[in-house]
């Protein structure tokens, strides 16, 4: 199985992590018994929905951006191959 490498900068990583965190907090609040059922749904459900829906466009951006950029290892290999041919 071939692993895929993805280049991501710090702001993109932060945005992606924040949306995943919102999903986790939302699920945690929905499952916790520390709040009333109404409070859990009022706070947890919007967090979960926001996290889930905002993760999709961020992930699309990250993976689409990386699809158009050559992989650093393949650039090194291409440079090495071109030097061998000369």
PDB file of N, CA and C in Angstrom:
ATOM      1  N   UNK A   1       0.840  -1.176   0.000  1.00  0.00           N
ATOM      2  CA  UNK A   1       0.000   0.000   0.000  1.00  0.00           C
ATOM      3  C   UNK A   1       0.885   1.239   0.000  1.00  0.00           C
ATOM      4  N   UNK A   2       0.619   2.145  -0.921  1.00  0.00           N
ATOM      5  CA  UNK A   2       1.403   3.360  -1.038  1.00  0.00           C
ATOM      6  C   UNK A   2       0.783   4.470  -0.190  1.00  0.00           C
ATOM      7  N   UNK A   3       1.596   5.072   0.678  1.00  0.00           N
ATOM      8  CA  UNK A   3       1.119   6.168   1.505  1.00  0.00           C
ATOM      9  C   UNK A   3       1.216   7.466   0.736  1.00  0.00           C
ATOM     10  N   UNK A   4       0.276   8.355   1.002  1.00  0.00           N
ATOM     11  CA  UNK A   4       0.231   9.636   0.335  1.00  0.00           C
ATOM     12  C   UNK A   4       0.725  10.707   1.294  1.00  0.00           C
ATOM     13  N   UNK A   5       1.567  11.582   0.818  1.00  0.00           N
ATOM     14  CA  UNK A   5       2.076  12.683   1.628  1.00  0.00           C
ATOM     15  C   UNK A   5       1.269  13.937   1.318  1.00  0.00           C
ATOM     16  N   UNK A   6       0.956  14.705   2.359  1.00  0.00           N
ATOM     17  CA  UNK A   6       0.189  15.931   2.193  1.00  0.00           C
ATOM     18  C   UNK A   6       0.965  17.063   2.833  1.00  0.00           C
ATOM     19  N   UNK A   7       1.177  18.133   2.079  1.00  0.00           N
ATOM     20  CA  UNK A   7       1.821  19.327   2.617  1.00  0.00           C
ATOM     21  C   UNK A   7       0.745  20.246   3.169  1.00  0.00           C
ATOM     22  N   UNK A   8       0.937  20.701   4.398  1.00  0.00           N
ATOM     23  CA  UNK A   8      -0.059  21.558   5.033  1.00  0.00           C
ATOM     24  C   UNK A   8       0.683  22.608   5.858  1.00  0.00           C
ATOM     25  N   UNK A   9       0.208  23.866   5.773  1.00  0.00           N
ATOM     26  CA  UNK A   9       0.861  24.904   6.572  1.00  0.00           C
ATOM     27  C   UNK A   9       0.163  25.022   7.926  1.00  0.00           C
ATOM     28  N   UNK A  10       0.748  25.800   8.810  1.00  0.00           N
ATOM     29  CA  UNK A  10       0.258  25.886  10.185  1.00  0.00           C
ATOM     30  C   UNK A  10      -1.184  26.412  10.291  1.00  0.00           C
ATOM     31  N   UNK A  11      -1.571  27.485   9.583  1.00  0.00           N
ATOM     32  CA  UNK A  11      -2.963  27.938   9.681  1.00  0.00           C
ATOM     33  C   UNK A  11      -3.977  26.888   9.199  1.00  0.00           C
ATOM     34  N   UNK A  12      -3.624  26.162   8.131  1.00  0.00           N
ATOM     35  CA  UNK A  12      -4.519  25.104   7.654  1.00  0.00           C
ATOM     36  C   UNK A  12      -4.633  23.986   8.678  1.00  0.00           C
ATOM     37  N   UNK A  13      -3.511  23.625   9.277  1.00  0.00           N
ATOM     38  CA  UNK A  13      -3.523  22.591  10.307  1.00  0.00           C
ATOM     39  C   UNK A  13      -4.380  23.032  11.492  1.00  0.00           C
ATOM     40  N   UNK A  14      -4.232  24.302  11.886  1.00  0.00           N
ATOM     41  CA  UNK A  14      -5.024  24.836  12.996  1.00  0.00           C
ATOM     42  C   UNK A  14      -6.513  24.819  12.703  1.00  0.00           C
ATOM     43  N   UNK A  15      -6.888  25.220  11.491  1.00  0.00           N
ATOM     44  CA  UNK A  15      -8.304  25.228  11.118  1.00  0.00           C
ATOM     45  C   UNK A  15      -8.857  23.809  11.102  1.00  0.00           C
ATOM     46  N   UNK A  16      -8.093  22.880  10.535  1.00  0.00           N
ATOM     47  CA  UNK A  16      -8.544  21.494  10.463  1.00  0.00           C
ATOM     48  C   UNK A  16      -8.667  20.898  11.863  1.00  0.00           C
ATOM     49  N   UNK A  17      -7.689  21.169  12.719  1.00  0.00           N
ATOM     50  CA  UNK A  17      -7.722  20.654  14.092  1.00  0.00           C
ATOM     51  C   UNK A  17      -8.883  21.260  14.882  1.00  0.00           C
ATOM     52  N   UNK A  18      -9.156  22.554  14.670  1.00  0.00           N
ATOM     53  CA  UNK A  18     -10.256  23.204  15.391  1.00  0.00           C
ATOM     54  C   UNK A  18     -11.610  22.599  15.012  1.00  0.00           C
ATOM     55  N   UNK A  19     -11.793  22.304  13.733  1.00  0.00           N
ATOM     56  CA  UNK A  19     -13.072  21.709  13.324  1.00  0.00           C
ATOM     57  C   UNK A  19     -13.211  20.292  13.875  1.00  0.00           C
ATOM     58  N   UNK A  20     -12.110  19.548  13.873  1.00  0.00           N
ATOM     59  CA  UNK A  20     -12.156  18.193  14.439  1.00  0.00           C
ATOM     60  C   UNK A  20     -12.397  18.263  15.946  1.00  0.00           C
ATOM     61  N   UNK A  21     -11.806  19.270  16.595  1.00  0.00           N
ATOM     62  CA  UNK A  21     -12.023  19.468  18.023  1.00  0.00           C
ATOM     63  C   UNK A  21     -13.473  19.813  18.334  1.00  0.00           C
ATOM     64  N   UNK A  22     -14.084  20.641  17.487  1.00  0.00           N
ATOM     65  CA  UNK A  22     -15.493  20.995  17.678  1.00  0.00           C
ATOM     66  C   UNK A  22     -16.377  19.756  17.579  1.00  0.00           C
ATOM     67  N   UNK A  23     -16.055  18.869  16.659  1.00  0.00           N
ATOM     68  CA  UNK A  23     -16.811  17.612  16.546  1.00  0.00           C
ATOM     69  C   UNK A  23     -16.684  16.816  17.845  1.00  0.00           C
ATOM     70  N   UNK A  24     -15.463  16.693  18.334  1.00  0.00           N
ATOM     71  CA  UNK A  24     -15.226  15.930  19.565  1.00  0.00           C
ATOM     72  C   UNK A  24     -15.917  16.524  20.769  1.00  0.00           C
ATOM     73  N   UNK A  25     -15.840  17.838  20.913  1.00  0.00           N
ATOM     74  CA  UNK A  25     -16.504  18.496  22.043  1.00  0.00           C
ATOM     75  C   UNK A  25     -18.012  18.348  21.924  1.00  0.00           C
ATOM     76  N   UNK A  26     -18.530  18.497  20.713  1.00  0.00           N
ATOM     77  CA  UNK A  26     -19.973  18.333  20.500  1.00  0.00           C
ATOM     78  C   UNK A  26     -20.451  16.941  20.882  1.00  0.00           C
ATOM     79  N   UNK A  27     -19.726  15.925  20.437  1.00  0.00           N
ATOM     80  CA  UNK A  27     -20.090  14.548  20.778  1.00  0.00           C
ATOM     81  C   UNK A  27     -19.967  14.331  22.283  1.00  0.00           C
ATOM     82  N   UNK A  28     -18.889  14.858  22.869  1.00  0.00           N
ATOM     83  CA  UNK A  28     -18.701  14.723  24.312  1.00  0.00           C
ATOM     84  C   UNK A  28     -19.841  15.346  25.103  1.00  0.00           C
ATOM     85  N   UNK A  29     -20.268  16.525  24.693  1.00  0.00           N
ATOM     86  CA  UNK A  29     -21.376  17.187  25.386  1.00  0.00           C
ATOM     87  C   UNK A  29     -22.685  16.420  25.206  1.00  0.00           C
ATOM     88  N   UNK A  30     -22.888  15.888  24.011  1.00  0.00           N
ATOM     89  CA  UNK A  30     -24.120  15.128  23.774  1.00  0.00           C
ATOM     90  C   UNK A  30     -24.175  13.858  24.614  1.00  0.00           C
ATOM     91  N   UNK A  31     -23.022  13.267  24.878  1.00  0.00           N
ATOM     92  CA  UNK A  31     -22.990  12.007  25.622  1.00  0.00           C
ATOM     93  C   UNK A  31     -22.832  12.191  27.127  1.00  0.00           C
ATOM     94  N   UNK A  32     -22.384  13.366  27.562  1.00  0.00           N
ATOM     95  CA  UNK A  32     -22.128  13.602  28.986  1.00  0.00           C
ATOM     96  C   UNK A  32     -23.437  13.728  29.768  1.00  0.00           C
ATOM     97  N   UNK A  33     -23.368  13.358  31.026  1.00  0.00           N
ATOM     98  CA  UNK A  33     -24.537  13.474  31.900  1.00  0.00           C
ATOM     99  C   UNK A  33     -24.406  14.632  32.883  1.00  0.00           C
ATOM    100  N   UNK A  34     -23.453  15.523  32.665  1.00  0.00           N
ATOM    101  CA  UNK A  34     -23.224  16.640  33.583  1.00  0.00           C
ATOM    102  C   UNK A  34     -24.227  17.772  33.373  1.00  0.00           C
ATOM    103  N   UNK A  35     -24.814  17.847  32.204  1.00  0.00           N
ATOM    104  CA  UNK A  35     -25.791  18.889  31.885  1.00  0.00           C
ATOM    105  C   UNK A  35     -27.154  18.254  31.645  1.00  0.00           C
ATOM    106  N   UNK A  36     -28.191  19.085  31.659  1.00  0.00           N
ATOM    107  CA  UNK A  36     -29.521  18.561  31.343  1.00  0.00           C
ATOM    108  C   UNK A  36     -29.576  18.205  29.856  1.00  0.00           C
ATOM    109  N   UNK A  37     -30.529  17.390  29.480  1.00  0.00           N
ATOM    110  CA  UNK A  37     -30.662  16.968  28.081  1.00  0.00           C
ATOM    111  C   UNK A  37     -30.848  18.175  27.171  1.00  0.00           C
ATOM    112  N   UNK A  38     -31.620  19.151  27.617  1.00  0.00           N
ATOM    113  CA  UNK A  38     -31.856  20.347  26.804  1.00  0.00           C
ATOM    114  C   UNK A  38     -30.562  21.133  26.624  1.00  0.00           C
ATOM    115  N   UNK A  39     -29.794  21.300  27.700  1.00  0.00           N
ATOM    116  CA  UNK A  39     -28.521  22.025  27.614  1.00  0.00           C
ATOM    117  C   UNK A  39     -27.528  21.291  26.711  1.00  0.00           C
ATOM    118  N   UNK A  40     -27.474  19.971  26.823  1.00  0.00           N
ATOM    119  CA  UNK A  40     -26.559  19.184  25.980  1.00  0.00           C
ATOM    120  C   UNK A  40     -26.894  19.372  24.513  1.00  0.00           C
ATOM    121  N   UNK A  41     -28.187  19.302  24.180  1.00  0.00           N
ATOM    122  CA  UNK A  41     -28.586  19.466  22.780  1.00  0.00           C
ATOM    123  C   UNK A  41     -28.371  20.888  22.297  1.00  0.00           C
ATOM    124  N   UNK A  42     -28.613  21.862  23.160  1.00  0.00           N
ATOM    125  CA  UNK A  42     -28.455  23.263  22.783  1.00  0.00           C
ATOM    126  C   UNK A  42     -27.003  23.615  22.497  1.00  0.00           C
ATOM    127  N   UNK A  43     -26.083  23.052  23.243  1.00  0.00           N
ATOM    128  CA  UNK A  43     -24.662  23.367  23.079  1.00  0.00           C
ATOM    129  C   UNK A  43     -23.955  22.346  22.186  1.00  0.00           C
ATOM    130  N   UNK A  44     -24.176  21.068  22.435  1.00  0.00           N
ATOM    131  CA  UNK A  44     -23.432  20.011  21.753  1.00  0.00           C
ATOM    132  C   UNK A  44     -23.789  19.816  20.299  1.00  0.00           C
ATOM    133  N   UNK A  45     -25.071  19.887  19.973  1.00  0.00           N
ATOM    134  CA  UNK A  45     -25.502  19.642  18.595  1.00  0.00           C
ATOM    135  C   UNK A  45     -24.961  20.694  17.625  1.00  0.00           C
ATOM    136  N   UNK A  46     -25.058  21.984  17.935  1.00  0.00           N
ATOM    137  CA  UNK A  46     -24.466  22.966  17.005  1.00  0.00           C
ATOM    138  C   UNK A  46     -22.950  22.819  16.854  1.00  0.00           C
ATOM    139  N   UNK A  47     -22.258  22.500  17.946  1.00  0.00           N
ATOM    140  CA  UNK A  47     -20.810  22.283  17.843  1.00  0.00           C
ATOM    141  C   UNK A  47     -20.496  21.113  16.917  1.00  0.00           C
ATOM    142  N   UNK A  48     -21.227  20.026  17.093  1.00  0.00           N
ATOM    143  CA  UNK A  48     -21.010  18.852  16.250  1.00  0.00           C
ATOM    144  C   UNK A  48     -21.305  19.174  14.783  1.00  0.00           C
ATOM    145  N   UNK A  49     -22.431  19.818  14.525  1.00  0.00           N
ATOM    146  CA  UNK A  49     -22.818  20.139  13.143  1.00  0.00           C
ATOM    147  C   UNK A  49     -21.819  21.112  12.521  1.00  0.00           C
ATOM    148  N   UNK A  50     -21.440  22.160  13.269  1.00  0.00           N
ATOM    149  CA  UNK A  50     -20.452  23.114  12.758  1.00  0.00           C
ATOM    150  C   UNK A  50     -19.141  22.405  12.424  1.00  0.00           C
ATOM    151  N   UNK A  51     -18.668  21.576  13.328  1.00  0.00           N
ATOM    152  CA  UNK A  51     -17.413  20.867  13.098  1.00  0.00           C
ATOM    153  C   UNK A  51     -17.476  19.958  11.891  1.00  0.00           C
ATOM    154  N   UNK A  52     -18.565  19.217  11.784  1.00  0.00           N
ATOM    155  CA  UNK A  52     -18.701  18.280  10.665  1.00  0.00           C
ATOM    156  C   UNK A  52     -18.807  19.011   9.330  1.00  0.00           C
ATOM    157  N   UNK A  53     -19.629  20.054   9.277  1.00  0.00           N
ATOM    158  CA  UNK A  53     -19.834  20.752   8.008  1.00  0.00           C
ATOM    159  C   UNK A  53     -18.628  21.599   7.599  1.00  0.00           C
ATOM    160  N   UNK A  54     -17.912  22.146   8.552  1.00  0.00           N
ATOM    161  CA  UNK A  54     -16.754  22.971   8.197  1.00  0.00           C
ATOM    162  C   UNK A  54     -15.517  22.135   7.893  1.00  0.00           C
ATOM    163  N   UNK A  55     -15.479  20.906   8.327  1.00  0.00           N
ATOM    164  CA  UNK A  55     -14.344  20.034   8.012  1.00  0.00           C
ATOM    165  C   UNK A  55     -14.298  19.715   6.523  1.00  0.00           C
ATOM    166  N   UNK A  56     -15.439  19.549   5.904  1.00  0.00           N
ATOM    167  CA  UNK A  56     -15.503  19.133   4.494  1.00  0.00           C
ATOM    168  C   UNK A  56     -14.807  20.126   3.566  1.00  0.00           C
ATOM    169  N   UNK A  57     -15.176  21.425   3.578  1.00  0.00           N
ATOM    170  CA  UNK A  57     -14.486  22.336   2.651  1.00  0.00           C
ATOM    171  C   UNK A  57     -13.001  22.525   2.976  1.00  0.00           C
ATOM    172  N   UNK A  58     -12.639  22.475   4.251  1.00  0.00           N
ATOM    173  CA  UNK A  58     -11.228  22.621   4.610  1.00  0.00           C
ATOM    174  C   UNK A  58     -10.431  21.426   4.081  1.00  0.00           C
ATOM    175  N   UNK A  59     -10.960  20.218   4.267  1.00  0.00           N
ATOM    176  CA  UNK A  59     -10.277  19.021   3.761  1.00  0.00           C
ATOM    177  C   UNK A  59     -10.186  19.051   2.236  1.00  0.00           C
ATOM    178  N   UNK A  60     -11.259  19.482   1.565  1.00  0.00           N
ATOM    179  CA  UNK A  60     -11.218  19.592   0.104  1.00  0.00           C
ATOM    180  C   UNK A  60     -10.127  20.556  -0.333  1.00  0.00           C
ATOM    181  N   UNK A  61     -10.025  21.692   0.350  1.00  0.00           N
ATOM    182  CA  UNK A  61      -9.005  22.682   0.013  1.00  0.00           C
ATOM    183  C   UNK A  61      -7.603  22.088   0.174  1.00  0.00           C
ATOM    184  N   UNK A  62      -7.378  21.439   1.286  1.00  0.00           N
ATOM    185  CA  UNK A  62      -6.047  20.887   1.570  1.00  0.00           C
ATOM    186  C   UNK A  62      -5.680  19.820   0.539  1.00  0.00           C
ATOM    187  N   UNK A  63      -6.580  18.883   0.279  1.00  0.00           N
ATOM    188  CA  UNK A  63      -6.246  17.790  -0.627  1.00  0.00           C
ATOM    189  C   UNK A  63      -6.222  18.235  -2.080  1.00  0.00           C
ATOM    190  N   UNK A  64      -7.078  19.201  -2.453  1.00  0.00           N
ATOM    191  CA  UNK A  64      -7.062  19.698  -3.829  1.00  0.00           C
ATOM    192  C   UNK A  64      -5.777  20.494  -4.081  1.00  0.00           C
ATOM    193  N   UNK A  65      -5.376  21.303  -3.093  1.00  0.00           N
ATOM    194  CA  UNK A  65      -4.146  22.089  -3.209  1.00  0.00           C
ATOM    195  C   UNK A  65      -2.955  21.161  -3.391  1.00  0.00           C
ATOM    196  N   UNK A  66      -2.904  20.085  -2.635  1.00  0.00           N
ATOM    197  CA  UNK A  66      -1.768  19.163  -2.694  1.00  0.00           C
ATOM    198  C   UNK A  66      -1.786  18.302  -3.952  1.00  0.00           C
ATOM    199  N   UNK A  67      -2.952  18.129  -4.544  1.00  0.00           N
ATOM    200  CA  UNK A  67      -3.026  17.344  -5.770  1.00  0.00           C
ATOM    201  C   UNK A  67      -2.331  18.088  -6.908  1.00  0.00           C
ATOM    202  N   UNK A  68      -2.384  19.425  -6.877  1.00  0.00           N
ATOM    203  CA  UNK A  68      -1.797  20.235  -7.940  1.00  0.00           C
ATOM    204  C   UNK A  68      -0.320  20.533  -7.726  1.00  0.00           C
ATOM    205  N   UNK A  69       0.197  20.274  -6.526  1.00  0.00           N
ATOM    206  CA  UNK A  69       1.609  20.520  -6.243  1.00  0.00           C
ATOM    207  C   UNK A  69       2.396  19.214  -6.338  1.00  0.00           C
ATOM    208  N   UNK A  70       3.543  19.242  -6.996  1.00  0.00           N
ATOM    209  CA  UNK A  70       4.351  18.017  -7.046  1.00  0.00           C
ATOM    210  C   UNK A  70       4.915  17.694  -5.676  1.00  0.00           C
ATOM    211  N   UNK A  71       5.078  16.430  -5.411  1.00  0.00           N
ATOM    212  CA  UNK A  71       5.619  15.963  -4.144  1.00  0.00           C
ATOM    213  C   UNK A  71       7.111  16.286  -4.101  1.00  0.00           C
ATOM    214  N   UNK A  72       7.633  16.795  -2.971  1.00  0.00           N
ATOM    215  CA  UNK A  72       9.062  17.145  -2.894  1.00  0.00           C
ATOM    216  C   UNK A  72       9.982  15.978  -3.250  1.00  0.00           C
ATOM    217  N   UNK A  73       9.651  14.783  -2.852  1.00  0.00           N
ATOM    218  CA  UNK A  73      10.489  13.625  -3.161  1.00  0.00           C
ATOM    219  C   UNK A  73      10.514  13.366  -4.666  1.00  0.00           C
ATOM    220  N   UNK A  74       9.375  13.558  -5.344  1.00  0.00           N
ATOM    221  CA  UNK A  74       9.343  13.327  -6.784  1.00  0.00           C
ATOM    222  C   UNK A  74      10.130  14.404  -7.516  1.00  0.00           C
ATOM    223  N   UNK A  75      10.177  15.636  -6.963  1.00  0.00           N
ATOM    224  CA  UNK A  75      10.997  16.685  -7.555  1.00  0.00           C
ATOM    225  C   UNK A  75      12.476  16.330  -7.446  1.00  0.00           C
ATOM    226  N   UNK A  76      12.892  15.820  -6.282  1.00  0.00           N
ATOM    227  CA  UNK A  76      14.285  15.419  -6.088  1.00  0.00           C
ATOM    228  C   UNK A  76      14.648  14.280  -7.033  1.00  0.00           C
ATOM    229  N   UNK A  77      13.729  13.335  -7.180  1.00  0.00           N
ATOM    230  CA  UNK A  77      13.975  12.194  -8.058  1.00  0.00           C
ATOM    231  C   UNK A  77      14.096  12.666  -9.504  1.00  0.00           C
ATOM    232  N   UNK A  78      13.220  13.587  -9.918  1.00  0.00           N
ATOM    233  CA  UNK A  78      13.270  14.096 -11.287  1.00  0.00           C
ATOM    234  C   UNK A  78      14.582  14.852 -11.536  1.00  0.00           C
ATOM    235  N   UNK A  79      15.029  15.641 -10.554  1.00  0.00           N
ATOM    236  CA  UNK A  79      16.292  16.363 -10.693  1.00  0.00           C
ATOM    237  C   UNK A  79      17.454  15.388 -10.770  1.00  0.00           C
ATOM    238  N   UNK A  80      17.411  14.357  -9.940  1.00  0.00           N
ATOM    239  CA  UNK A  80      18.461  13.344  -9.949  1.00  0.00           C
ATOM    240  C   UNK A  80      18.499  12.603 -11.282  1.00  0.00           C
ATOM    241  N   UNK A  81      17.312  12.266 -11.805  1.00  0.00           N
ATOM    242  CA  UNK A  81      17.238  11.562 -13.088  1.00  0.00           C
ATOM    243  C   UNK A  81      17.772  12.420 -14.227  1.00  0.00           C
ATOM    244  N   UNK A  82      17.458  13.728 -14.195  1.00  0.00           N
ATOM    245  CA  UNK A  82      17.905  14.598 -15.266  1.00  0.00           C
ATOM    246  C   UNK A  82      19.422  14.792 -15.214  1.00  0.00           C
ATOM    247  N   UNK A  83      19.999  14.789 -14.011  1.00  0.00           N
ATOM    248  CA  UNK A  83      21.447  14.918 -13.885  1.00  0.00           C
ATOM    249  C   UNK A  83      22.143  13.668 -14.399  1.00  0.00           C
ATOM    250  N   UNK A  84      21.546  12.504 -14.181  1.00  0.00           N
ATOM    251  CA  UNK A  84      22.135  11.240 -14.650  1.00  0.00           C
ATOM    252  C   UNK A  84      22.144  11.185 -16.174  1.00  0.00           C
ATOM    253  N   UNK A  85      21.103  11.763 -16.803  1.00  0.00           N
ATOM    254  CA  UNK A  85      20.998  11.731 -18.266  1.00  0.00           C
ATOM    255  C   UNK A  85      22.036  12.636 -18.919  1.00  0.00           C
ATOM    256  N   UNK A  86      22.461  13.695 -18.212  1.00  0.00           N
ATOM    257  CA  UNK A  86      23.419  14.643 -18.792  1.00  0.00           C
ATOM    258  C   UNK A  86      24.778  14.094 -18.750  1.00  0.00           C
TER     259      UNK A  86
END
